Amino acid sequence: MKGKYFYLTPGICPSLSTMKAILESAGGKLLAKQPSYRKIMEHKQNKNLPEIILISCDNDLHLCREYFMKNIDVHNAEFILTGVLTQKLDYESYPLPEHYDSVTARV
């Protein structure tokens, strides 16, 4: 997790405080406020800037609407938990639904 920034939506489970402790102990940094699409793209395009990884849950999908509409990956908490245990980030196994439209009926 070292050298990476994470944004966690408020309803994340385990709790935000638990996830913060896990991330920081693994060398990651927690962003205090939700990054804009522009900020995420700036970090993606400039390899000198840390990667920003978005973590959310089903109850917070409405907070990720802009990301889904612009095809930005959003992962669930297992991305971090499994990543810490295996010492490897698996970008393929723990995505939230790719398109907000597919979950609007539940939101």
N, C-alpha and C. Protein backbone atom coordinates (compact mmCIF):
# COMPACT_ATOMS: atom_id res chain seq x y z
N MET A 1 0.82 -1.19 0.00
CA MET A 1 0.00 0.00 0.00
C MET A 1 0.87 1.27 0.00
N LYS A 2 2.15 1.06 0.23
CA LYS A 2 3.06 2.20 0.29
C LYS A 2 3.05 2.98 -1.02
N GLY A 3 3.00 4.30 -0.88
CA GLY A 3 3.03 5.15 -2.05
C GLY A 3 1.69 5.27 -2.76
N LYS A 4 0.62 4.86 -2.10
CA LYS A 4 -0.72 4.94 -2.69
C LYS A 4 -1.63 5.74 -1.75
N TYR A 5 -2.55 6.47 -2.37
CA TYR A 5 -3.57 7.21 -1.62
C TYR A 5 -4.89 6.48 -1.77
N PHE A 6 -5.67 6.47 -0.70
CA PHE A 6 -6.96 5.80 -0.71
C PHE A 6 -8.04 6.76 -0.26
N TYR A 7 -9.17 6.69 -0.94
CA TYR A 7 -10.36 7.39 -0.46
C TYR A 7 -11.39 6.32 -0.13
N LEU A 8 -11.90 6.35 1.11
CA LEU A 8 -12.90 5.40 1.58
C LEU A 8 -14.20 6.14 1.82
N THR A 9 -15.29 5.65 1.27
CA THR A 9 -16.57 6.29 1.54
C THR A 9 -16.98 6.02 2.98
N PRO A 10 -17.82 6.88 3.56
CA PRO A 10 -18.12 6.82 5.00
C PRO A 10 -18.77 5.54 5.51
N GLY A 11 -19.54 4.84 4.68
CA GLY A 11 -20.25 3.65 5.14
C GLY A 11 -19.47 2.35 5.05
N ILE A 12 -18.19 2.46 4.76
CA ILE A 12 -17.34 1.29 4.55
C ILE A 12 -17.36 0.37 5.77
N CYS A 13 -17.26 -0.92 5.51
CA CYS A 13 -17.22 -1.90 6.58
C CYS A 13 -16.07 -2.86 6.26
N PRO A 14 -15.14 -3.09 7.18
CA PRO A 14 -15.04 -2.59 8.54
C PRO A 14 -15.06 -1.06 8.59
N SER A 15 -15.21 -0.54 9.77
CA SER A 15 -15.38 0.90 9.98
C SER A 15 -14.22 1.71 9.39
N LEU A 16 -14.51 2.97 9.17
CA LEU A 16 -13.51 3.88 8.62
C LEU A 16 -12.26 3.92 9.51
N SER A 17 -12.44 3.95 10.82
CA SER A 17 -11.27 4.00 11.72
C SER A 17 -10.45 2.71 11.64
N THR A 18 -11.11 1.58 11.53
CA THR A 18 -10.40 0.30 11.40
C THR A 18 -9.64 0.24 10.08
N MET A 19 -10.32 0.63 9.00
CA MET A 19 -9.68 0.61 7.68
C MET A 19 -8.51 1.59 7.62
N LYS A 20 -8.66 2.73 8.27
CA LYS A 20 -7.56 3.71 8.31
C LYS A 20 -6.34 3.09 8.99
N ALA A 21 -6.55 2.43 10.11
CA ALA A 21 -5.44 1.80 10.83
C ALA A 21 -4.78 0.72 9.97
N ILE A 22 -5.57 -0.07 9.28
CA ILE A 22 -5.03 -1.12 8.40
C ILE A 22 -4.21 -0.50 7.28
N LEU A 23 -4.79 0.50 6.61
CA LEU A 23 -4.09 1.16 5.49
C LEU A 23 -2.78 1.79 5.92
N GLU A 24 -2.84 2.56 7.00
CA GLU A 24 -1.64 3.27 7.45
C GLU A 24 -0.57 2.30 7.93
N SER A 25 -0.98 1.19 8.55
CA SER A 25 0.03 0.22 9.00
C SER A 25 0.70 -0.47 7.82
N ALA A 26 0.01 -0.48 6.67
CA ALA A 26 0.56 -1.08 5.46
C ALA A 26 1.26 -0.05 4.57
N GLY A 27 1.36 1.19 5.05
CA GLY A 27 2.09 2.23 4.32
C GLY A 27 1.24 3.11 3.42
N GLY A 28 -0.07 2.88 3.36
CA GLY A 28 -0.95 3.72 2.54
C GLY A 28 -1.33 5.00 3.25
N LYS A 29 -1.85 5.93 2.49
CA LYS A 29 -2.32 7.21 3.05
C LYS A 29 -3.80 7.34 2.76
N LEU A 30 -4.55 7.80 3.76
CA LEU A 30 -5.99 7.99 3.62
C LEU A 30 -6.28 9.44 3.28
N LEU A 31 -7.03 9.65 2.20
CA LEU A 31 -7.45 11.00 1.83
C LEU A 31 -8.63 11.41 2.70
N ALA A 32 -8.60 12.63 3.21
CA ALA A 32 -9.66 13.12 4.10
C ALA A 32 -10.93 13.49 3.35
N LYS A 33 -10.78 13.92 2.10
CA LYS A 33 -11.98 14.31 1.36
C LYS A 33 -12.02 13.62 0.01
N GLN A 34 -13.23 13.51 -0.52
CA GLN A 34 -13.46 12.79 -1.76
C GLN A 34 -12.75 13.50 -2.91
N PRO A 35 -11.90 12.78 -3.64
CA PRO A 35 -11.17 13.40 -4.75
C PRO A 35 -12.07 13.62 -5.96
N SER A 36 -11.83 14.69 -6.65
CA SER A 36 -12.59 14.98 -7.87
C SER A 36 -12.07 14.09 -9.01
N TYR A 37 -12.88 13.98 -10.04
CA TYR A 37 -12.47 13.25 -11.24
C TYR A 37 -11.17 13.85 -11.77
N ARG A 38 -11.11 15.16 -11.80
CA ARG A 38 -9.92 15.86 -12.30
C ARG A 38 -8.67 15.48 -11.52
N LYS A 39 -8.80 15.42 -10.19
CA LYS A 39 -7.66 15.07 -9.33
C LYS A 39 -7.21 13.63 -9.61
N ILE A 40 -8.17 12.72 -9.74
CA ILE A 40 -7.83 11.32 -10.02
C ILE A 40 -7.10 11.22 -11.35
N MET A 41 -7.59 11.90 -12.36
CA MET A 41 -6.96 11.85 -13.68
C MET A 41 -5.57 12.48 -13.65
N GLU A 42 -5.40 13.54 -12.89
CA GLU A 42 -4.09 14.17 -12.74
C GLU A 42 -3.09 13.16 -12.17
N HIS A 43 -3.52 12.40 -11.16
CA HIS A 43 -2.65 11.40 -10.54
C HIS A 43 -2.40 10.22 -11.46
N LYS A 44 -3.38 9.86 -12.29
CA LYS A 44 -3.19 8.76 -13.25
C LYS A 44 -2.20 9.14 -14.34
N GLN A 45 -2.27 10.38 -14.80
CA GLN A 45 -1.45 10.81 -15.92
C GLN A 45 -0.02 11.18 -15.52
N ASN A 46 0.17 11.59 -14.28
CA ASN A 46 1.50 11.98 -13.82
C ASN A 46 2.05 10.87 -12.93
N LYS A 47 2.97 10.10 -13.44
CA LYS A 47 3.51 8.95 -12.72
C LYS A 47 4.33 9.36 -11.49
N ASN A 48 4.62 10.66 -11.34
CA ASN A 48 5.33 11.13 -10.15
C ASN A 48 4.38 11.32 -8.97
N LEU A 49 3.07 11.31 -9.26
CA LEU A 49 2.06 11.46 -8.20
C LEU A 49 1.56 10.09 -7.77
N PRO A 50 1.21 9.94 -6.49
CA PRO A 50 0.72 8.63 -6.01
C PRO A 50 -0.61 8.25 -6.67
N GLU A 51 -0.80 6.97 -6.85
CA GLU A 51 -2.07 6.46 -7.37
C GLU A 51 -3.16 6.71 -6.33
N ILE A 52 -4.36 7.06 -6.78
CA ILE A 52 -5.51 7.21 -5.90
C ILE A 52 -6.44 6.03 -6.16
N ILE A 53 -6.75 5.30 -5.09
CA ILE A 53 -7.61 4.13 -5.18
C ILE A 53 -8.89 4.42 -4.40
N LEU A 54 -10.02 4.16 -5.02
CA LEU A 54 -11.33 4.43 -4.43
C LEU A 54 -11.92 3.14 -3.87
N ILE A 55 -12.39 3.23 -2.61
CA ILE A 55 -12.98 2.07 -1.94
C ILE A 55 -14.36 2.49 -1.43
N SER A 56 -15.36 1.67 -1.74
CA SER A 56 -16.71 1.98 -1.32
C SER A 56 -17.46 0.71 -0.96
N CYS A 57 -18.77 0.85 -0.78
CA CYS A 57 -19.63 -0.28 -0.44
C CYS A 57 -20.99 -0.07 -1.08
N ASP A 58 -21.83 -1.08 -1.06
CA ASP A 58 -23.13 -0.98 -1.71
C ASP A 58 -23.96 0.20 -1.20
N ASN A 59 -23.92 0.47 0.09
CA ASN A 59 -24.72 1.57 0.64
C ASN A 59 -24.23 2.96 0.23
N ASP A 60 -23.02 3.05 -0.25
CA ASP A 60 -22.45 4.36 -0.64
C ASP A 60 -22.31 4.52 -2.15
N LEU A 61 -22.92 3.66 -2.92
CA LEU A 61 -22.76 3.75 -4.38
C LEU A 61 -23.19 5.10 -4.93
N HIS A 62 -24.16 5.73 -4.30
CA HIS A 62 -24.60 7.05 -4.78
C HIS A 62 -23.48 8.08 -4.71
N LEU A 63 -22.52 7.88 -3.81
CA LEU A 63 -21.38 8.80 -3.68
C LEU A 63 -20.36 8.60 -4.80
N CYS A 64 -20.49 7.50 -5.52
CA CYS A 64 -19.53 7.16 -6.57
C CYS A 64 -20.10 7.36 -7.97
N ARG A 65 -21.25 7.96 -8.07
CA ARG A 65 -21.94 8.13 -9.35
C ARG A 65 -21.02 8.73 -10.41
N GLU A 66 -20.33 9.82 -10.08
CA GLU A 66 -19.45 10.47 -11.06
C GLU A 66 -18.35 9.52 -11.52
N TYR A 67 -17.79 8.74 -10.61
CA TYR A 67 -16.73 7.81 -10.98
C TYR A 67 -17.24 6.75 -11.95
N PHE A 68 -18.40 6.20 -11.65
CA PHE A 68 -18.98 5.18 -12.53
C PHE A 68 -19.26 5.75 -13.91
N MET A 69 -19.81 6.95 -13.95
CA MET A 69 -20.15 7.56 -15.25
C MET A 69 -18.91 7.84 -16.09
N LYS A 70 -17.76 8.00 -15.43
CA LYS A 70 -16.52 8.30 -16.15
C LYS A 70 -15.56 7.12 -16.17
N ASN A 71 -16.10 5.93 -15.88
CA ASN A 71 -15.34 4.68 -15.94
C ASN A 71 -14.09 4.66 -15.06
N ILE A 72 -14.22 5.20 -13.87
CA ILE A 72 -13.15 5.13 -12.88
C ILE A 72 -13.43 3.92 -11.99
N ASP A 73 -12.44 3.09 -11.77
CA ASP A 73 -12.63 1.89 -10.95
C ASP A 73 -12.90 2.25 -9.49
N VAL A 74 -13.85 1.55 -8.92
CA VAL A 74 -14.16 1.65 -7.49
C VAL A 74 -14.17 0.22 -6.97
N HIS A 75 -13.47 -0.03 -5.88
CA HIS A 75 -13.33 -1.37 -5.32
C HIS A 75 -14.05 -1.47 -3.98
N ASN A 76 -14.29 -2.70 -3.55
CA ASN A 76 -14.87 -2.88 -2.22
C ASN A 76 -13.75 -3.10 -1.20
N ALA A 77 -14.12 -3.22 0.06
CA ALA A 77 -13.13 -3.31 1.14
C ALA A 77 -12.22 -4.52 1.03
N GLU A 78 -12.69 -5.59 0.39
CA GLU A 78 -11.86 -6.78 0.22
C GLU A 78 -10.58 -6.48 -0.55
N PHE A 79 -10.62 -5.48 -1.39
CA PHE A 79 -9.43 -5.07 -2.13
C PHE A 79 -8.28 -4.77 -1.16
N ILE A 80 -8.60 -4.03 -0.11
CA ILE A 80 -7.58 -3.68 0.89
C ILE A 80 -7.26 -4.86 1.80
N LEU A 81 -8.30 -5.50 2.32
CA LEU A 81 -8.09 -6.57 3.29
C LEU A 81 -7.29 -7.72 2.69
N THR A 82 -7.65 -8.14 1.49
CA THR A 82 -6.91 -9.21 0.81
C THR A 82 -5.53 -8.73 0.40
N GLY A 83 -5.44 -7.48 -0.04
CA GLY A 83 -4.15 -6.92 -0.43
C GLY A 83 -3.15 -6.92 0.71
N VAL A 84 -3.61 -6.58 1.90
CA VAL A 84 -2.72 -6.57 3.07
C VAL A 84 -2.28 -8.00 3.41
N LEU A 85 -3.21 -8.93 3.36
CA LEU A 85 -2.88 -10.32 3.70
C LEU A 85 -1.94 -10.96 2.69
N THR A 86 -2.14 -10.68 1.42
CA THR A 86 -1.33 -11.32 0.38
C THR A 86 -0.12 -10.49 -0.04
N GLN A 87 -0.08 -9.23 0.41
CA GLN A 87 0.99 -8.31 0.03
C GLN A 87 0.98 -8.04 -1.47
N LYS A 88 -0.23 -8.08 -2.07
CA LYS A 88 -0.38 -7.83 -3.50
C LYS A 88 -1.75 -7.22 -3.73
N LEU A 89 -1.81 -6.17 -4.55
CA LEU A 89 -3.09 -5.54 -4.87
C LEU A 89 -3.68 -6.20 -6.11
N ASP A 90 -4.88 -6.75 -5.96
CA ASP A 90 -5.58 -7.44 -7.03
C ASP A 90 -6.66 -6.52 -7.58
N TYR A 91 -6.36 -5.84 -8.66
CA TYR A 91 -7.26 -4.83 -9.24
C TYR A 91 -8.46 -5.46 -9.95
N GLU A 92 -8.43 -6.75 -10.19
CA GLU A 92 -9.48 -7.41 -10.97
C GLU A 92 -10.57 -8.05 -10.12
N SER A 93 -10.27 -8.52 -8.93
CA SER A 93 -11.19 -9.37 -8.19
C SER A 93 -12.23 -8.67 -7.33
N TYR A 94 -12.06 -7.40 -6.98
CA TYR A 94 -12.96 -6.78 -6.02
C TYR A 94 -13.59 -5.47 -6.48
N PRO A 95 -14.02 -5.40 -7.74
CA PRO A 95 -14.65 -4.15 -8.18
C PRO A 95 -16.10 -4.07 -7.72
N LEU A 96 -16.56 -2.84 -7.53
CA LEU A 96 -17.99 -2.62 -7.36
C LEU A 96 -18.56 -2.56 -8.77
N PRO A 97 -19.88 -2.59 -8.94
CA PRO A 97 -20.44 -2.57 -10.30
C PRO A 97 -19.83 -1.46 -11.14
N GLU A 98 -19.49 -1.80 -12.37
CA GLU A 98 -18.79 -0.85 -13.22
C GLU A 98 -19.63 0.35 -13.61
N HIS A 99 -20.91 0.15 -13.73
CA HIS A 99 -21.75 1.25 -14.18
C HIS A 99 -22.81 1.54 -13.14
N TYR A 100 -22.92 2.78 -12.77
CA TYR A 100 -23.90 3.20 -11.79
C TYR A 100 -25.30 2.80 -12.22
N ASP A 101 -25.59 2.83 -13.52
CA ASP A 101 -26.92 2.49 -14.03
C ASP A 101 -27.36 1.10 -13.59
N SER A 102 -26.43 0.20 -13.45
CA SER A 102 -26.79 -1.18 -13.09
C SER A 102 -27.20 -1.32 -11.63
N VAL A 103 -26.96 -0.29 -10.83
CA VAL A 103 -27.29 -0.40 -9.41
C VAL A 103 -28.30 0.65 -8.98
N THR A 104 -28.78 1.49 -9.87
CA THR A 104 -29.68 2.56 -9.45
C THR A 104 -30.97 2.04 -8.85
N ALA A 105 -31.39 0.86 -9.22
CA ALA A 105 -32.61 0.30 -8.67
C ALA A 105 -32.46 0.01 -7.17
N ARG A 106 -31.24 -0.22 -6.72
CA ARG A 106 -31.00 -0.52 -5.30
C ARG A 106 -30.64 0.72 -4.52
N VAL A 107 -30.30 1.80 -5.18
CA VAL A 107 -29.83 3.00 -4.48
C VAL A 107 -30.99 3.92 -4.21
